[in-house]
């Protein structure tokens, strides 16, 4: 297992943007995604990307967030635009080595089995 380390979080005002990053070279041939967890709320799958580049998003972020990989497939990104206070949460990058296609935000929410890996998360705080 290679450690996953998320970065790019921070504090922004509503309407602002952030881009989260996560090195994933070892996992680039598997489904990758992001989930988030806010205090007092359930974990929520945010976005996923398959090895063929197909993406899937939670309804709450569609049109505002974009998941992508760099050209070499080594870094996973989550571009977050038009951020809202309800986007405030810890964001986690996930690699699921049990699948290469068919990822969905719902399938990237813990609890996950031993075929999934994620890091310690990066905090995103959006103020109104």
Protein backbone atom coordinates (compact mmCIF):
# COMPACT_ATOMS: atom_id res chain seq x y z
CA UNK A 1 0.00 0.00 0.00
CA UNK A 2 1.29 3.44 -0.94
CA UNK A 3 0.20 6.24 1.35
CA UNK A 4 -2.33 8.69 -0.06
CA UNK A 5 -1.83 12.32 0.88
CA UNK A 6 -4.40 14.94 0.03
CA UNK A 7 -3.54 18.63 -0.31
CA UNK A 8 -4.99 21.92 -1.48
CA UNK A 9 -7.59 22.59 1.16
CA UNK A 10 -8.04 25.95 2.80
CA UNK A 11 -10.45 28.67 3.78
CA UNK A 12 -12.35 30.65 1.18
CA UNK A 13 -15.41 32.82 0.97
CA UNK A 14 -18.58 31.65 -0.68
CA UNK A 15 -18.25 31.78 -4.44
CA UNK A 16 -14.54 31.10 -4.31
CA UNK A 17 -12.54 28.21 -5.73
CA UNK A 18 -10.06 25.62 -4.54
CA UNK A 19 -8.26 22.76 -6.23
CA UNK A 20 -7.51 19.64 -4.25
CA UNK A 21 -4.70 17.30 -5.28
CA UNK A 22 -3.71 13.74 -4.51
CA UNK A 23 -0.74 11.76 -5.92
CA UNK A 24 -2.11 8.50 -7.29
CA UNK A 25 0.48 7.11 -9.70
CA UNK A 26 0.40 3.66 -8.11
CA UNK A 27 -3.40 3.56 -8.33
CA UNK A 28 -3.92 5.23 -11.70
CA UNK A 29 -5.29 2.04 -13.31
CA UNK A 30 -8.17 1.85 -10.82
CA UNK A 31 -11.26 3.86 -10.01
CA UNK A 32 -10.43 7.00 -8.07
CA UNK A 33 -12.62 9.47 -6.25
CA UNK A 34 -13.28 11.88 -3.43
CA UNK A 35 -15.61 11.77 -0.48
CA UNK A 36 -16.16 14.37 2.23
CA UNK A 37 -17.17 14.40 5.85
CA UNK A 38 -18.48 17.35 7.77
CA UNK A 39 -18.95 17.31 11.56
CA UNK A 40 -22.39 16.13 12.48
CA UNK A 41 -23.16 14.98 8.95
CA UNK A 42 -22.90 11.68 7.12
CA UNK A 43 -20.00 11.03 4.80
CA UNK A 44 -20.82 11.92 1.22
CA UNK A 45 -19.32 10.68 -2.00
CA UNK A 46 -18.40 13.66 -4.15
CA UNK A 47 -16.95 12.52 -7.47
CA UNK A 48 -15.30 9.56 -9.17
CA UNK A 49 -13.23 8.94 -12.29
CA UNK A 50 -12.72 5.63 -14.08
CA UNK A 51 -9.58 4.53 -15.89
CA UNK A 52 -11.17 5.53 -19.20
CA UNK A 53 -11.83 9.03 -17.89
CA UNK A 54 -15.54 8.60 -17.27
CA UNK A 55 -16.67 10.74 -14.37
CA UNK A 56 -19.58 10.74 -11.96
CA UNK A 57 -20.71 13.41 -9.50
CA UNK A 58 -23.00 13.81 -6.54
CA UNK A 59 -26.00 15.98 -7.36
CA UNK A 60 -24.88 18.47 -4.73
CA UNK A 61 -21.71 19.34 -6.66
CA UNK A 62 -22.69 18.84 -10.30
CA UNK A 63 -21.78 21.83 -12.43
CA UNK A 64 -19.45 23.21 -9.75
CA UNK A 65 -16.84 20.50 -9.14
CA UNK A 66 -14.63 18.75 -11.70
CA UNK A 67 -12.60 15.62 -11.07
CA UNK A 68 -9.63 14.95 -13.33
CA UNK A 69 -6.16 13.48 -13.58
CA UNK A 70 -3.03 15.03 -15.01
CA UNK A 71 -1.87 13.84 -18.42
CA UNK A 72 0.40 11.20 -16.96
CA UNK A 73 -2.33 9.96 -14.65
CA UNK A 74 -0.17 10.55 -11.63
CA UNK A 75 -2.17 13.20 -9.82
CA UNK A 76 -5.87 13.28 -9.07
CA UNK A 77 -7.53 16.68 -8.87
CA UNK A 78 -10.80 18.03 -7.62
CA UNK A 79 -11.46 21.51 -8.96
CA UNK A 80 -14.10 23.16 -6.81
CA UNK A 81 -15.76 26.32 -8.08
CA UNK A 82 -18.61 28.44 -6.72
CA UNK A 83 -18.03 27.01 -3.27
CA UNK A 84 -20.83 27.19 -0.74
CA UNK A 85 -20.77 27.06 3.07
CA UNK A 86 -22.37 23.61 2.88
CA UNK A 87 -19.25 22.39 1.06
CA UNK A 88 -17.29 22.83 4.30
CA UNK A 89 -15.85 19.43 5.19
CA UNK A 90 -12.77 17.26 5.31
CA UNK A 91 -12.14 15.92 1.83
CA UNK A 92 -10.59 12.50 1.22
CA UNK A 93 -9.01 11.01 -1.89
CA UNK A 94 -9.90 7.34 -2.42
CA UNK A 95 -8.43 4.61 -4.59
CA UNK A 96 -10.48 1.46 -5.12
CA UNK A 97 -8.26 -1.30 -6.42
CA UNK A 98 -11.18 -3.69 -6.86
CA UNK A 99 -12.51 -1.89 -9.91
CA UNK A 100 -11.42 0.06 -12.94
CA UNK A 101 -14.83 1.09 -14.28
CA UNK A 102 -18.28 1.88 -13.02
CA UNK A 103 -17.32 4.09 -10.12
CA UNK A 104 -20.03 6.14 -8.45
CA UNK A 105 -19.92 8.62 -5.57
CA UNK A 106 -22.09 6.30 -3.49
CA UNK A 107 -19.53 3.51 -3.82
CA UNK A 108 -16.71 5.69 -2.52
CA UNK A 109 -18.10 6.29 0.96
CA UNK A 110 -16.71 4.41 3.97
CA UNK A 111 -17.06 1.89 5.34
CA UNK A 112 -15.03 0.33 2.52
CA UNK A 113 -13.25 -2.99 2.39
CA UNK A 114 -9.53 -3.68 2.27
CA UNK A 115 -9.43 -2.99 -1.47
CA UNK A 116 -9.84 0.74 -0.84
CA UNK A 117 -7.30 3.27 0.35
CA UNK A 118 -7.60 6.88 1.43
CA UNK A 119 -5.55 9.48 3.21
CA UNK A 120 -5.98 11.73 6.24
CA UNK A 121 -7.92 14.30 4.27
CA UNK A 122 -7.62 18.01 3.62
CA UNK A 123 -9.91 20.56 5.25
CA UNK A 124 -12.08 22.87 3.16
CA UNK A 125 -13.82 25.71 4.94
CA UNK A 126 -16.22 28.04 3.13
CA UNK A 127 -17.49 31.13 4.89
CA UNK A 128 -20.59 33.06 3.93
